[in-house]
Protein backbone atom coordinates (compact mmCIF):
# COMPACT_ATOMS: atom_id res chain seq x y z
CA MET A 1 -139.62 8.89 82.16
CA ILE A 2 -140.56 11.61 84.81
CA LYS A 3 -139.77 14.67 83.42
CA ASN A 4 -141.98 13.46 80.36
CA THR A 5 -144.80 12.77 82.69
CA TYR A 6 -145.09 15.88 84.12
CA ALA A 7 -144.59 17.57 80.81
CA THR A 8 -147.45 15.63 79.33
CA PHE A 9 -149.25 16.67 82.73
CA PHE A 10 -148.80 19.95 82.13
CA LEU A 11 -150.20 19.97 78.57
CA VAL A 12 -153.25 18.25 79.57
CA LEU A 13 -153.61 20.30 82.61
CA SER A 14 -153.08 23.57 80.35
CA LEU A 15 -155.41 22.09 77.59
CA LEU A 16 -158.14 21.30 79.41
CA PHE A 17 -157.59 25.03 81.09
CA ALA A 18 -157.62 26.53 77.55
CA SER A 19 -160.78 24.29 76.62
CA SER A 20 -162.78 25.80 79.79
CA LEU A 21 -161.91 29.47 78.62
CA VAL A 22 -162.92 28.61 75.09
CA HIS A 23 -166.19 27.43 75.79
CA SER A 24 -167.38 31.38 77.14
CA ALA A 25 -165.37 32.59 74.42
CA GLN A 26 -166.46 34.62 71.46
CA VAL A 27 -166.81 32.63 68.53
CA TRP A 28 -167.28 33.04 64.31
CA ASP A 29 -168.98 31.08 61.97
CA LEU A 30 -167.89 31.21 58.24
CA TYR A 31 -170.50 30.44 55.35
CA ASN A 32 -168.98 30.50 51.84
CA PHE A 33 -171.20 30.21 48.84
CA LYS A 34 -170.85 30.76 44.77
CA VAL A 35 -173.76 33.16 43.91
CA GLN A 36 -174.85 32.15 40.27
CA PRO A 37 -173.84 35.13 37.70
CA GLY A 38 -175.99 38.17 37.85
CA LYS A 39 -178.22 37.12 41.06
CA ALA A 40 -175.75 38.71 44.06
CA THR A 41 -178.47 41.53 44.58
CA ALA A 42 -181.19 38.95 45.24
CA VAL A 43 -178.29 36.95 47.62
CA LEU A 44 -178.62 40.78 49.05
CA LYS A 45 -181.87 41.21 49.07
CA ALA A 46 -182.27 37.87 51.07
CA PHE A 47 -179.65 38.49 53.92
CA ASN A 48 -181.39 42.12 54.29
CA ASP A 49 -184.94 41.15 54.86
CA LEU A 50 -183.60 38.22 57.27
CA GLN A 51 -181.72 40.68 58.79
CA MET A 52 -184.62 42.96 58.90
CA SER A 53 -187.34 40.29 60.24
CA GLU A 54 -188.15 39.87 63.99
CA ALA A 55 -186.25 36.33 64.17
CA GLY A 56 -183.38 37.56 62.06
CA SER A 57 -182.77 40.65 64.48
CA ASN A 58 -183.16 38.26 67.83
CA ARG A 59 -179.30 37.86 68.17
CA MET A 60 -176.60 39.58 70.18
CA ALA A 61 -173.93 38.71 66.60
CA SER A 62 -172.27 40.87 64.50
CA VAL A 63 -173.05 39.42 61.09
CA HIS A 64 -171.88 40.45 57.59
CA LEU A 65 -172.32 39.58 54.46
CA GLN A 66 -168.89 39.68 52.26
CA GLN A 67 -167.78 39.46 48.41
CA SER A 68 -164.84 37.78 47.88
CA VAL A 69 -162.19 39.41 46.11
CA PHE A 70 -159.85 36.61 45.06
CA GLY A 71 -159.65 33.58 46.64
CA GLY A 72 -158.43 30.12 45.95
CA SER A 73 -160.26 27.06 43.66
CA SER A 74 -163.30 26.98 45.51
CA GLY A 75 -165.68 28.67 43.49
CA THR A 76 -166.74 31.09 46.41
CA THR A 77 -168.05 34.34 45.71
CA HIS A 78 -169.54 35.49 48.94
CA SER A 79 -169.51 34.79 52.66
CA ILE A 80 -171.65 35.29 55.90
CA VAL A 81 -169.39 35.60 58.78
CA ALA A 82 -171.37 35.26 62.04
CA LEU A 83 -169.60 36.83 65.09
CA TYR A 84 -171.06 36.11 68.51
CA PRO A 85 -169.82 36.25 72.30
CA SER A 86 -170.16 32.18 72.82
CA ARG A 87 -171.41 29.07 71.81
CA ALA A 88 -174.16 28.84 74.11
CA GLU A 89 -175.36 32.44 72.07
CA PHE A 90 -175.03 31.03 69.04
CA GLU A 91 -176.67 27.94 70.12
CA ARG A 92 -179.91 29.91 72.00
CA ALA A 93 -179.83 32.07 68.70
CA ARG A 94 -180.13 28.85 65.94
CA MET A 95 -182.79 27.54 68.14
CA ALA A 96 -184.66 30.83 67.64
CA LEU A 97 -184.34 31.68 64.20
CA ALA A 98 -185.00 27.34 62.89
CA GLY A 99 -187.83 26.84 61.15
CA THR A 100 -189.41 30.57 61.35
CA LYS A 101 -190.75 32.12 58.39
CA ALA A 102 -187.87 34.49 57.76
CA TRP A 103 -185.16 31.71 58.13
CA LYS A 104 -187.10 29.73 55.37
CA LYS A 105 -187.33 32.50 53.03
CA PHE A 106 -184.18 33.33 53.40
CA GLN A 107 -182.85 29.78 52.66
CA ALA A 108 -185.00 29.27 49.73
CA ALA A 109 -183.95 32.65 48.32
CA MET A 110 -179.77 31.30 49.13
CA SER A 111 -180.70 28.02 47.10
CA ALA A 112 -182.58 29.54 44.21
CA ASN A 113 -179.46 31.88 43.46
CA SER A 114 -176.42 30.26 45.14
CA GLU A 115 -174.72 26.92 45.88
CA ALA A 116 -173.35 26.44 49.43
CA ILE A 117 -169.09 25.88 49.46
CA ASN A 118 -168.40 25.27 52.28
CA ASN A 119 -168.62 26.11 56.36
CA SER A 120 -166.73 26.10 59.11
CA ALA A 121 -166.66 27.49 63.14
CA MET A 122 -163.89 29.29 64.76
CA GLU A 123 -163.35 29.42 68.71
CA THR A 124 -161.32 32.05 69.99
CA LEU A 125 -157.88 30.64 71.62
CA MET A 126 -156.34 34.14 72.08
CA GLY A 127 -156.43 37.56 70.96
CA TRP A 128 -154.56 40.46 70.96
CA GLY A 129 -156.20 44.10 70.86
CA THR A 130 -159.63 45.10 71.44
CA VAL A 131 -162.35 43.00 69.94
CA SER A 132 -165.00 45.50 69.09
CA ASN A 133 -168.43 45.42 66.60
CA LYS A 134 -168.46 48.91 66.83
CA ASP A 135 -165.61 49.03 64.17
CA THR A 136 -165.96 52.44 61.68
CA VAL A 137 -164.44 53.01 58.51
């Protein structure tokens, strides 16, 4: 009984410690879309226009538009991945972008040319290697 109590205590303590580290860890959000046939160029333009706007470039994130090469039955053709240094920076950038003309224009273009499939938010628990936004091919 005491062994189980200690094991449970240390597990809870470890999880609490890990969650405090995660709060300030790198986070990334994934948005999956099904772009209408022949509309990929319009989506690319909308995404580029947003990134080039003052509102869209006011962030400490690495943002990627990706084309799905293969996948499951969801119908996803394109994804937007946004990597932020912390959830706090994500929230700051989200609030700065919300309601701006550039954001509304982007949302209208995405609605006209694609269907949102799903989205998810991830927080890094542990990593190996060096994470960098200065990747080169």
